[in-house]
Amino acid sequence: MKRILAGAITAACISNVAGPAAAAAPGDASRVCERQMAQAAAKHGVPLGMLYAVGLTESGNRGSLQPYAMNIQGKAYFGSSAADVVQRLAQAQREGVRLVDLGCMQINHHYHRAKFASLEAMIDPAQNVEYATRFLKELKEREGSWTLAVARYHAGPNNNPAQKVYVCRVITNMVASGFGNWTPGAKAFCQ
């Protein structure tokens, strides 16, 4: 499975060309996740197309990434502000929910909160994207390929079915956003 996963994203022709992730004007309050992503990808040497496709898979809604997106026990919630996210997380925790993903890159609060100075820092688009980019880079160094890094970003090493579905969603988003093309190998893997 590792060898098959390792070729899947690579086969989708990852490139670092400018595209939708860099489309927002500097003063534009929209597409804040995308702007942060372009900076973090360049800073850490992570392929922008892959990072953008992961972001779309995680928090994409209506063609852009959502800085106040949450996943609460598998249900998407798109908050209106950081304060809204803080309030919804508190409510979910009162209801006994442990696993909640937050922000542009859907960082899991339970497993990653200790890496942030505060909940507000975890929600902050710049810090959320920066952390996710570094985390993906660390996973790539540990796993040996970007494909396996993407797979592990979503699910642990013993969950091959979930990893395959996730990798194929990321490839689909790469192709749809113009960062890659379907190749015979990627198509065969994702069928």
N, C-alpha and C. Protein backbone atom coordinates (compact mmCIF):
# COMPACT_ATOMS: atom_id res chain seq x y z
N MET A 1 0.83 -1.20 0.00
CA MET A 1 0.00 0.00 0.00
C MET A 1 0.87 1.26 0.00
N LYS A 2 2.00 1.22 0.77
CA LYS A 2 2.87 2.39 0.83
C LYS A 2 3.37 2.78 -0.55
N ARG A 3 3.78 1.80 -1.34
CA ARG A 3 4.33 2.09 -2.67
C ARG A 3 3.24 2.67 -3.57
N ILE A 4 2.03 2.13 -3.48
CA ILE A 4 0.93 2.64 -4.30
C ILE A 4 0.60 4.08 -3.89
N LEU A 5 0.48 4.32 -2.57
CA LEU A 5 0.20 5.68 -2.10
C LEU A 5 1.30 6.64 -2.50
N ALA A 6 2.54 6.17 -2.44
CA ALA A 6 3.68 7.05 -2.72
C ALA A 6 3.63 7.62 -4.12
N GLY A 7 3.09 6.89 -5.07
CA GLY A 7 3.04 7.39 -6.44
C GLY A 7 1.79 8.15 -6.78
N ALA A 8 0.76 8.09 -5.95
CA ALA A 8 -0.53 8.65 -6.33
C ALA A 8 -0.51 10.16 -6.51
N ILE A 9 -0.07 10.89 -5.52
CA ILE A 9 -0.06 12.35 -5.67
C ILE A 9 1.02 12.76 -6.65
N THR A 10 2.17 12.12 -6.59
CA THR A 10 3.23 12.44 -7.54
C THR A 10 2.72 12.23 -8.96
N ALA A 11 1.96 11.18 -9.16
CA ALA A 11 1.41 10.90 -10.48
C ALA A 11 0.41 11.96 -10.93
N ALA A 12 -0.15 12.69 -9.99
CA ALA A 12 -1.09 13.74 -10.34
C ALA A 12 -0.38 15.03 -10.76
N CYS A 13 0.92 14.95 -10.89
CA CYS A 13 1.73 16.07 -11.42
C CYS A 13 1.68 17.30 -10.54
N ILE A 14 2.11 17.17 -9.30
CA ILE A 14 2.18 18.33 -8.42
C ILE A 14 3.14 19.34 -9.02
N SER A 15 2.73 20.60 -9.02
CA SER A 15 3.63 21.65 -9.48
C SER A 15 3.53 22.83 -8.53
N ASN A 16 4.47 23.71 -8.61
CA ASN A 16 4.48 24.90 -7.76
C ASN A 16 4.10 26.15 -8.55
N VAL A 17 3.29 26.00 -9.59
CA VAL A 17 2.88 27.17 -10.36
C VAL A 17 1.89 28.00 -9.56
N ALA A 18 1.82 29.28 -9.84
CA ALA A 18 0.84 30.13 -9.17
C ALA A 18 -0.54 29.76 -9.66
N GLY A 19 -1.49 29.83 -8.78
CA GLY A 19 -2.85 29.48 -9.14
C GLY A 19 -3.82 30.11 -8.18
N PRO A 20 -4.96 29.45 -7.92
CA PRO A 20 -6.00 30.04 -7.10
C PRO A 20 -5.52 30.43 -5.71
N ALA A 21 -4.55 29.73 -5.16
CA ALA A 21 -4.10 30.03 -3.81
C ALA A 21 -3.47 31.42 -3.71
N ALA A 22 -2.99 31.95 -4.80
CA ALA A 22 -2.34 33.26 -4.77
C ALA A 22 -3.20 34.35 -5.40
N ALA A 23 -4.48 34.09 -5.62
CA ALA A 23 -5.32 34.98 -6.41
C ALA A 23 -5.83 36.23 -5.69
N ALA A 24 -5.81 36.25 -4.38
CA ALA A 24 -6.40 37.39 -3.67
C ALA A 24 -5.49 38.60 -3.68
N ALA A 25 -6.10 39.76 -3.70
CA ALA A 25 -5.35 41.02 -3.62
C ALA A 25 -4.84 41.19 -2.19
N PRO A 26 -3.69 41.84 -2.00
CA PRO A 26 -3.09 41.97 -0.67
C PRO A 26 -4.00 42.52 0.42
N GLY A 27 -4.85 43.50 0.13
CA GLY A 27 -5.73 44.07 1.14
C GLY A 27 -7.05 43.35 1.30
N ASP A 28 -7.30 42.35 0.53
CA ASP A 28 -8.56 41.61 0.52
C ASP A 28 -8.68 40.75 1.77
N ALA A 29 -9.76 40.94 2.54
CA ALA A 29 -9.96 40.15 3.76
C ALA A 29 -10.36 38.71 3.44
N SER A 30 -10.86 38.48 2.23
CA SER A 30 -11.20 37.11 1.85
C SER A 30 -9.92 36.37 1.46
N ARG A 31 -10.02 35.10 1.38
CA ARG A 31 -8.91 34.24 0.97
C ARG A 31 -7.68 34.40 1.86
N VAL A 32 -7.91 34.70 3.13
CA VAL A 32 -6.80 34.84 4.06
C VAL A 32 -6.04 33.52 4.20
N CYS A 33 -6.74 32.40 4.19
CA CYS A 33 -6.07 31.09 4.28
C CYS A 33 -5.14 30.90 3.10
N GLU A 34 -5.61 31.25 1.91
CA GLU A 34 -4.82 31.06 0.70
C GLU A 34 -3.56 31.92 0.72
N ARG A 35 -3.69 33.15 1.19
CA ARG A 35 -2.50 34.02 1.26
C ARG A 35 -1.48 33.47 2.24
N GLN A 36 -1.95 33.02 3.38
CA GLN A 36 -1.04 32.45 4.38
C GLN A 36 -0.38 31.18 3.83
N MET A 37 -1.14 30.43 3.07
CA MET A 37 -0.65 29.19 2.48
C MET A 37 0.48 29.45 1.49
N ALA A 38 0.32 30.46 0.65
CA ALA A 38 1.36 30.77 -0.33
C ALA A 38 2.66 31.15 0.39
N GLN A 39 2.56 31.91 1.46
CA GLN A 39 3.75 32.30 2.23
C GLN A 39 4.39 31.09 2.91
N ALA A 40 3.58 30.27 3.56
CA ALA A 40 4.11 29.12 4.30
C ALA A 40 4.73 28.09 3.36
N ALA A 41 4.10 27.86 2.21
CA ALA A 41 4.64 26.89 1.25
C ALA A 41 6.02 27.33 0.78
N ALA A 42 6.16 28.61 0.45
CA ALA A 42 7.46 29.12 -0.01
C ALA A 42 8.49 29.05 1.11
N LYS A 43 8.10 29.41 2.31
CA LYS A 43 9.02 29.42 3.46
C LYS A 43 9.55 28.03 3.79
N HIS A 44 8.71 27.01 3.69
CA HIS A 44 9.07 25.67 4.13
C HIS A 44 9.36 24.68 3.00
N GLY A 45 9.27 25.14 1.76
CA GLY A 45 9.55 24.25 0.64
C GLY A 45 8.53 23.15 0.46
N VAL A 46 7.30 23.46 0.78
CA VAL A 46 6.20 22.50 0.62
C VAL A 46 5.47 22.87 -0.67
N PRO A 47 5.16 21.89 -1.52
CA PRO A 47 4.47 22.20 -2.79
C PRO A 47 3.14 22.92 -2.55
N LEU A 48 3.02 24.11 -3.11
CA LEU A 48 1.82 24.92 -2.91
C LEU A 48 0.57 24.21 -3.41
N GLY A 49 0.65 23.56 -4.55
CA GLY A 49 -0.52 22.86 -5.09
C GLY A 49 -1.03 21.79 -4.15
N MET A 50 -0.12 21.04 -3.55
CA MET A 50 -0.51 20.00 -2.61
C MET A 50 -1.10 20.62 -1.35
N LEU A 51 -0.44 21.65 -0.83
CA LEU A 51 -0.92 22.30 0.39
C LEU A 51 -2.32 22.89 0.17
N TYR A 52 -2.51 23.54 -0.97
CA TYR A 52 -3.81 24.12 -1.30
C TYR A 52 -4.88 23.03 -1.43
N ALA A 53 -4.54 21.93 -2.07
CA ALA A 53 -5.51 20.84 -2.23
C ALA A 53 -5.87 20.21 -0.88
N VAL A 54 -4.89 20.09 0.01
CA VAL A 54 -5.19 19.60 1.36
C VAL A 54 -6.13 20.58 2.06
N GLY A 55 -5.83 21.87 1.94
CA GLY A 55 -6.69 22.88 2.54
C GLY A 55 -8.11 22.85 2.00
N LEU A 56 -8.25 22.71 0.68
CA LEU A 56 -9.59 22.60 0.10
C LEU A 56 -10.33 21.37 0.62
N THR A 57 -9.61 20.28 0.75
CA THR A 57 -10.20 19.05 1.26
C THR A 57 -10.64 19.24 2.71
N GLU A 58 -9.87 19.99 3.46
CA GLU A 58 -10.15 20.18 4.88
C GLU A 58 -11.23 21.23 5.15
N SER A 59 -11.08 22.43 4.58
CA SER A 59 -12.00 23.52 4.96
C SER A 59 -12.63 24.22 3.77
N GLY A 60 -12.51 23.65 2.59
CA GLY A 60 -13.06 24.29 1.40
C GLY A 60 -14.57 24.36 1.43
N ASN A 61 -15.07 25.51 1.03
CA ASN A 61 -16.51 25.72 0.94
C ASN A 61 -16.75 26.84 -0.06
N ARG A 62 -17.52 26.54 -1.09
CA ARG A 62 -17.84 27.52 -2.13
C ARG A 62 -16.59 28.10 -2.78
N GLY A 63 -15.62 27.23 -3.04
CA GLY A 63 -14.45 27.63 -3.82
C GLY A 63 -13.31 28.29 -3.07
N SER A 64 -13.41 28.40 -1.76
CA SER A 64 -12.28 28.96 -1.01
C SER A 64 -12.17 28.28 0.35
N LEU A 65 -11.01 28.44 0.96
CA LEU A 65 -10.78 27.89 2.28
C LEU A 65 -11.43 28.80 3.31
N GLN A 66 -11.87 28.20 4.39
CA GLN A 66 -12.61 28.94 5.41
C GLN A 66 -11.81 29.02 6.71
N PRO A 67 -11.42 30.21 7.13
CA PRO A 67 -10.59 30.34 8.32
C PRO A 67 -11.29 29.93 9.61
N TYR A 68 -12.62 29.98 9.64
CA TYR A 68 -13.35 29.65 10.85
C TYR A 68 -14.15 28.36 10.69
N ALA A 69 -13.62 27.46 9.87
CA ALA A 69 -14.25 26.16 9.69
C ALA A 69 -13.97 25.28 10.90
N MET A 70 -14.93 24.43 11.19
CA MET A 70 -14.78 23.44 12.25
C MET A 70 -15.34 22.12 11.75
N ASN A 71 -14.79 21.05 12.27
CA ASN A 71 -15.37 19.73 12.07
C ASN A 71 -15.62 19.19 13.47
N ILE A 72 -16.88 19.04 13.80
CA ILE A 72 -17.28 18.60 15.13
C ILE A 72 -17.90 17.22 14.97
N GLN A 73 -17.16 16.20 15.36
CA GLN A 73 -17.60 14.81 15.22
C GLN A 73 -18.11 14.52 13.81
N GLY A 74 -17.36 14.94 12.81
CA GLY A 74 -17.70 14.63 11.43
C GLY A 74 -18.68 15.59 10.77
N LYS A 75 -19.15 16.58 11.49
CA LYS A 75 -20.09 17.55 10.92
C LYS A 75 -19.38 18.88 10.73
N ALA A 76 -19.48 19.39 9.50
CA ALA A 76 -18.85 20.68 9.19
C ALA A 76 -19.66 21.82 9.78
N TYR A 77 -18.93 22.80 10.29
CA TYR A 77 -19.54 24.04 10.77
C TYR A 77 -18.64 25.17 10.29
N PHE A 78 -19.23 26.18 9.69
CA PHE A 78 -18.47 27.32 9.19
C PHE A 78 -18.83 28.53 10.04
N GLY A 79 -17.94 28.86 10.96
CA GLY A 79 -18.15 29.96 11.87
C GLY A 79 -18.02 31.31 11.20
N SER A 80 -18.51 32.33 11.88
CA SER A 80 -18.46 33.69 11.34
C SER A 80 -17.26 34.49 11.84
N SER A 81 -16.61 34.00 12.90
CA SER A 81 -15.48 34.72 13.49
C SER A 81 -14.72 33.79 14.42
N ALA A 82 -13.57 34.25 14.88
CA ALA A 82 -12.80 33.48 15.85
C ALA A 82 -13.61 33.31 17.14
N ALA A 83 -14.31 34.36 17.55
CA ALA A 83 -15.13 34.29 18.77
C ALA A 83 -16.23 33.23 18.62
N ASP A 84 -16.82 33.14 17.45
CA ASP A 84 -17.84 32.13 17.17
C ASP A 84 -17.25 30.73 17.31
N VAL A 85 -16.04 30.53 16.80
CA VAL A 85 -15.37 29.22 16.89
C VAL A 85 -15.09 28.87 18.36
N VAL A 86 -14.60 29.84 19.12
CA VAL A 86 -14.32 29.61 20.54
C VAL A 86 -15.60 29.19 21.26
N GLN A 87 -16.70 29.88 20.98
CA GLN A 87 -17.98 29.57 21.61
C GLN A 87 -18.47 28.18 21.21
N ARG A 88 -18.39 27.84 19.92
CA ARG A 88 -18.85 26.51 19.45
C ARG A 88 -17.99 25.39 20.03
N LEU A 89 -16.69 25.62 20.14
CA LEU A 89 -15.81 24.60 20.73
C LEU A 89 -16.18 24.38 22.19
N ALA A 90 -16.39 25.45 22.93
CA ALA A 90 -16.78 25.32 24.34
C ALA A 90 -18.09 24.54 24.47
N GLN A 91 -19.04 24.83 23.59
CA GLN A 91 -20.31 24.11 23.61
C GLN A 91 -20.09 22.63 23.31
N ALA A 92 -19.30 22.33 22.30
CA ALA A 92 -19.02 20.93 21.95
C ALA A 92 -18.34 20.21 23.10
N GLN A 93 -17.41 20.87 23.77
CA GLN A 93 -16.72 20.24 24.90
C GLN A 93 -17.68 20.00 26.06
N ARG A 94 -18.60 20.92 26.32
CA ARG A 94 -19.61 20.71 27.37
C ARG A 94 -20.47 19.50 27.05
N GLU A 95 -20.66 19.24 25.75
CA GLU A 95 -21.47 18.09 25.32
C GLU A 95 -20.65 16.80 25.28
N GLY A 96 -19.38 16.88 25.68
CA GLY A 96 -18.54 15.69 25.73
C GLY A 96 -17.78 15.36 24.46
N VAL A 97 -17.83 16.25 23.48
CA VAL A 97 -17.12 16.02 22.22
C VAL A 97 -15.63 16.27 22.44
N ARG A 98 -14.81 15.32 22.03
CA ARG A 98 -13.36 15.43 22.21
C ARG A 98 -12.64 15.83 20.94
N LEU A 99 -13.08 15.31 19.81
CA LEU A 99 -12.35 15.51 18.57
C LEU A 99 -13.01 16.59 17.71
N VAL A 100 -12.34 17.74 17.67
CA VAL A 100 -12.81 18.88 16.89
C VAL A 100 -11.63 19.43 16.10
N ASP A 101 -11.83 19.60 14.80
CA ASP A 101 -10.80 20.17 13.93
C ASP A 101 -11.12 21.65 13.70
N LEU A 102 -10.05 22.45 13.61
CA LEU A 102 -10.23 23.91 13.59
C LEU A 102 -9.45 24.59 12.48
N GLY A 103 -10.06 25.61 11.90
CA GLY A 103 -9.36 26.55 11.04
C GLY A 103 -9.14 26.13 9.60
N CYS A 104 -8.33 26.94 8.93
CA CYS A 104 -8.03 26.75 7.50
C CYS A 104 -7.64 25.31 7.18
N MET A 105 -6.78 24.75 8.01
CA MET A 105 -6.21 23.43 7.73
C MET A 105 -6.77 22.35 8.65
N GLN A 106 -7.83 22.67 9.41
CA GLN A 106 -8.53 21.72 10.26
C GLN A 106 -7.58 20.96 11.19
N ILE A 107 -6.87 21.71 12.01
CA ILE A 107 -5.96 21.14 12.99
C ILE A 107 -6.79 20.58 14.14
N ASN A 108 -6.53 19.33 14.52
CA ASN A 108 -7.30 18.69 15.58
C ASN A 108 -6.94 19.29 16.94
N HIS A 109 -7.93 19.85 17.60
CA HIS A 109 -7.73 20.52 18.88
C HIS A 109 -7.19 19.57 19.94
N HIS A 110 -7.75 18.39 20.05
CA HIS A 110 -7.36 17.43 21.08
C HIS A 110 -5.88 17.04 20.96
N TYR A 111 -5.45 16.73 19.76
CA TYR A 111 -4.09 16.22 19.57
C TYR A 111 -3.02 17.30 19.39
N HIS A 112 -3.40 18.49 18.99
CA HIS A 112 -2.39 19.49 18.63
C HIS A 112 -2.45 20.78 19.46
N ARG A 113 -3.40 20.91 20.37
CA ARG A 113 -3.56 22.18 21.08
C ARG A 113 -2.33 22.60 21.88
N ALA A 114 -1.56 21.64 22.37
CA ALA A 114 -0.36 21.97 23.16
C ALA A 114 0.72 22.66 22.33
N LYS A 115 0.60 22.59 21.01
CA LYS A 115 1.58 23.22 20.13
C LYS A 115 1.30 24.71 19.91
N PHE A 116 0.21 25.20 20.46
CA PHE A 116 -0.20 26.59 20.28
C PHE A 116 -0.25 27.30 21.63
N ALA A 117 0.01 28.58 21.64
CA ALA A 117 -0.01 29.37 22.87
C ALA A 117 -1.42 29.51 23.45
N SER A 118 -2.43 29.46 22.57
CA SER A 118 -3.81 29.63 23.01
C SER A 118 -4.75 29.07 21.94
N LEU A 119 -6.01 28.97 22.30
CA LEU A 119 -7.01 28.56 21.32
C LEU A 119 -7.11 29.59 20.20
N GLU A 120 -7.03 30.86 20.55
CA GLU A 120 -7.08 31.92 19.54
C GLU A 120 -5.92 31.80 18.56
N ALA A 121 -4.75 31.43 19.07
CA ALA A 121 -3.58 31.23 18.20
C ALA A 121 -3.82 30.07 17.25
N MET A 122 -4.46 29.03 17.73
CA MET A 122 -4.73 27.86 16.90
C MET A 122 -5.71 28.19 15.77
N ILE A 123 -6.63 29.10 16.04
CA ILE A 123 -7.62 29.50 15.04
C ILE A 123 -7.04 30.53 14.07
N ASP A 124 -6.09 31.32 14.52
CA ASP A 124 -5.49 32.36 13.68
C ASP A 124 -5.00 31.77 12.36
N PRO A 125 -5.47 32.27 11.21
CA PRO A 125 -5.10 31.68 9.92
C PRO A 125 -3.59 31.56 9.71
N ALA A 126 -2.83 32.57 10.08
CA ALA A 126 -1.38 32.51 9.86
C ALA A 126 -0.76 31.38 10.66
N GLN A 127 -1.14 31.26 11.93
CA GLN A 127 -0.55 30.22 12.78
C GLN A 127 -1.09 28.84 12.43
N ASN A 128 -2.35 28.76 12.07
CA ASN A 128 -2.96 27.49 11.69
C ASN A 128 -2.29 26.92 10.45
N VAL A 129 -2.13 27.75 9.43
CA VAL A 129 -1.50 27.31 8.18
C VAL A 129 -0.02 27.03 8.38
N GLU A 130 0.66 27.87 9.13
CA GLU A 130 2.08 27.67 9.41
C GLU A 130 2.31 26.32 10.08
N TYR A 131 1.51 26.02 11.10
CA TYR A 131 1.66 24.75 11.82
C TYR A 131 1.38 23.57 10.89
N ALA A 132 0.30 23.65 10.13
CA ALA A 132 -0.05 22.55 9.22
C ALA A 132 1.04 22.32 8.19
N THR A 133 1.63 23.39 7.70
CA THR A 133 2.70 23.28 6.69
C THR A 133 3.92 22.60 7.29
N ARG A 134 4.31 23.02 8.48
CA ARG A 134 5.45 22.38 9.16
C ARG A 134 5.14 20.92 9.47
N PHE A 135 3.91 20.65 9.90
CA PHE A 135 3.51 19.28 10.23
C PHE A 135 3.57 18.39 8.98
N LEU A 136 3.06 18.88 7.86
CA LEU A 136 3.15 18.11 6.61
C LEU A 136 4.60 17.86 6.22
N LYS A 137 5.45 18.85 6.38
CA LYS A 137 6.86 18.69 6.05
C LYS A 137 7.52 17.64 6.95
N GLU A 138 7.20 17.67 8.24
CA GLU A 138 7.71 16.66 9.17
C GLU A 138 7.22 15.27 8.79
N LEU A 139 5.94 15.16 8.42
CA LEU A 139 5.40 13.87 7.99
C LEU A 139 6.11 13.38 6.73
N LYS A 140 6.41 14.28 5.81
CA LYS A 140 7.12 13.90 4.58
C LYS A 140 8.50 13.37 4.91
N GLU A 141 9.20 14.04 5.82
CA GLU A 141 10.53 13.58 6.21
C GLU A 141 10.47 12.22 6.88
N ARG A 142 9.44 11.99 7.70
CA ARG A 142 9.29 10.71 8.40
C ARG A 142 8.82 9.60 7.47
N GLU A 143 7.88 9.90 6.59
CA GLU A 143 7.25 8.87 5.75
C GLU A 143 7.95 8.67 4.41
N GLY A 144 8.69 9.67 3.94
CA GLY A 144 9.47 9.51 2.71
C GLY A 144 8.82 10.02 1.44
N SER A 145 7.57 10.46 1.49
CA SER A 145 6.93 11.00 0.28
C SER A 145 5.82 11.96 0.69
N TRP A 146 5.51 12.86 -0.25
CA TRP A 146 4.41 13.78 0.01
C TRP A 146 3.09 13.04 0.08
N THR A 147 2.93 12.01 -0.72
CA THR A 147 1.67 11.26 -0.72
C THR A 147 1.41 10.64 0.65
N LEU A 148 2.43 9.99 1.21
CA LEU A 148 2.25 9.40 2.53
C LEU A 148 2.07 10.47 3.60
N ALA A 149 2.73 11.60 3.43
CA ALA A 149 2.54 12.71 4.37
C ALA A 149 1.08 13.16 4.36
N VAL A 150 0.51 13.31 3.16
CA VAL A 150 -0.89 13.70 3.03
C VAL A 150 -1.80 12.63 3.65
N ALA A 151 -1.51 11.37 3.38
CA ALA A 151 -2.31 10.28 3.94
C ALA A 151 -2.29 10.32 5.47
N ARG A 152 -1.11 10.50 6.05
CA ARG A 152 -0.96 10.52 7.51
C ARG A 152 -1.53 11.80 8.13
N TYR A 153 -1.57 12.87 7.37
CA TYR A 153 -2.16 14.12 7.86
C TYR A 153 -3.61 13.87 8.26
N HIS A 154 -4.25 13.03 7.50
CA HIS A 154 -5.67 12.75 7.73
C HIS A 154 -5.91 11.59 8.68
N ALA A 155 -5.15 10.53 8.55
CA ALA A 155 -5.40 9.31 9.32
C ALA A 155 -4.08 8.65 9.68
N GLY A 156 -4.06 7.95 10.79
CA GLY A 156 -2.85 7.28 11.24
C GLY A 156 -2.41 6.16 10.31
N PRO A 157 -1.24 5.59 10.59
CA PRO A 157 -0.64 4.61 9.68
C PRO A 157 -1.41 3.30 9.54
N ASN A 158 -2.35 3.01 10.41
CA ASN A 158 -3.07 1.74 10.32
C ASN A 158 -4.49 1.91 9.80
N ASN A 159 -4.72 2.94 9.02
CA ASN A 159 -6.06 3.20 8.49
C ASN A 159 -5.98 3.41 6.98
N ASN A 160 -5.56 2.37 6.26
CA ASN A 160 -5.37 2.48 4.81
C ASN A 160 -6.63 2.87 4.04
N PRO A 161 -7.81 2.34 4.37
CA PRO A 161 -9.00 2.76 3.60
C PRO A 161 -9.26 4.27 3.70
N ALA A 162 -9.17 4.83 4.90
CA ALA A 162 -9.40 6.27 5.07
C ALA A 162 -8.32 7.07 4.37
N GLN A 163 -7.09 6.58 4.43
CA GLN A 163 -5.98 7.28 3.77
C GLN A 163 -6.19 7.33 2.26
N LYS A 164 -6.62 6.21 1.68
CA LYS A 164 -6.81 6.17 0.23
C LYS A 164 -7.91 7.14 -0.20
N VAL A 165 -9.03 7.13 0.50
CA VAL A 165 -10.13 8.04 0.17
C VAL A 165 -9.65 9.48 0.27
N TYR A 166 -8.90 9.79 1.32
CA TYR A 166 -8.43 11.16 1.53
C TYR A 166 -7.45 11.57 0.44
N VAL A 167 -6.48 10.72 0.13
CA VAL A 167 -5.51 11.04 -0.92
C VAL A 167 -6.23 11.29 -2.24
N CYS A 168 -7.23 10.50 -2.55
CA CYS A 168 -7.97 10.69 -3.81
C CYS A 168 -8.77 12.00 -3.80
N ARG A 169 -9.30 12.38 -2.65
CA ARG A 169 -9.98 13.68 -2.55
C ARG A 169 -9.00 14.82 -2.76
N VAL A 170 -7.79 14.69 -2.20
CA VAL A 170 -6.77 15.72 -2.38
C VAL A 170 -6.38 15.81 -3.85
N ILE A 171 -6.16 14.66 -4.50
CA ILE A 171 -5.81 14.67 -5.93
C ILE A 171 -6.93 15.33 -6.74
N THR A 172 -8.18 14.98 -6.45
CA THR A 172 -9.32 15.58 -7.14
C THR A 172 -9.30 17.10 -6.98
N ASN A 173 -9.02 17.58 -5.79
CA ASN A 173 -8.94 19.03 -5.56
C ASN A 173 -7.75 19.66 -6.26
N MET A 174 -6.63 18.93 -6.35
CA MET A 174 -5.47 19.46 -7.09
C MET A 174 -5.82 19.66 -8.55
N VAL A 175 -6.47 18.66 -9.12
CA VAL A 175 -6.83 18.72 -10.53
C VAL A 175 -7.87 19.82 -10.76
N ALA A 176 -8.90 19.87 -9.91
CA ALA A 176 -9.96 20.86 -10.06
C ALA A 176 -9.45 22.29 -9.92
N SER A 177 -8.40 22.48 -9.12
CA SER A 177 -7.87 23.83 -8.90
C SER A 177 -6.75 24.19 -9.87
N GLY A 178 -6.44 23.27 -10.79
CA GLY A 178 -5.44 23.57 -11.81
C GLY A 178 -4.00 23.31 -11.41
N PHE A 179 -3.79 22.65 -10.29
CA PHE A 179 -2.43 22.36 -9.82
C PHE A 179 -1.93 21.00 -10.29
N GLY A 180 -2.74 20.22 -10.95
CA GLY A 180 -2.30 18.90 -11.38
C GLY A 180 -3.21 18.36 -12.47
N ASN A 181 -2.87 17.19 -12.94
CA ASN A 181 -3.66 16.50 -13.97
C ASN A 181 -3.82 15.05 -13.57
N TRP A 182 -4.94 14.48 -13.96
CA TRP A 182 -5.11 13.05 -13.73
C TRP A 182 -4.16 12.29 -14.65
N THR A 183 -3.47 11.35 -14.10
CA THR A 183 -2.63 10.46 -14.88
C THR A 183 -3.26 9.08 -14.83
N PRO A 184 -2.87 8.17 -15.72
CA PRO A 184 -3.43 6.81 -15.64
C PRO A 184 -3.19 6.16 -14.28
N GLY A 185 -2.01 6.37 -13.69
CA GLY A 185 -1.72 5.78 -12.38
C GLY A 185 -2.61 6.32 -11.28
N ALA A 186 -2.81 7.64 -11.27
CA ALA A 186 -3.65 8.25 -10.25
C ALA A 186 -5.11 7.83 -10.45
N LYS A 187 -5.57 7.77 -11.70
CA LYS A 187 -6.94 7.33 -11.97
C LYS A 187 -7.16 5.90 -11.51
N ALA A 188 -6.21 5.03 -11.83
CA ALA A 188 -6.33 3.62 -11.43
C ALA A 188 -6.35 3.49 -9.91
N PHE A 189 -5.51 4.25 -9.24
CA PHE A 189 -5.44 4.20 -7.78
C PHE A 189 -6.75 4.64 -7.15
N CYS A 190 -7.37 5.65 -7.72
CA CYS A 190 -8.56 6.25 -7.11
C CYS A 190 -9.88 5.63 -7.55
N GLN A 191 -9.86 4.67 -8.45
CA GLN A 191 -11.13 4.05 -8.88
C GLN A 191 -11.63 3.07 -7.87
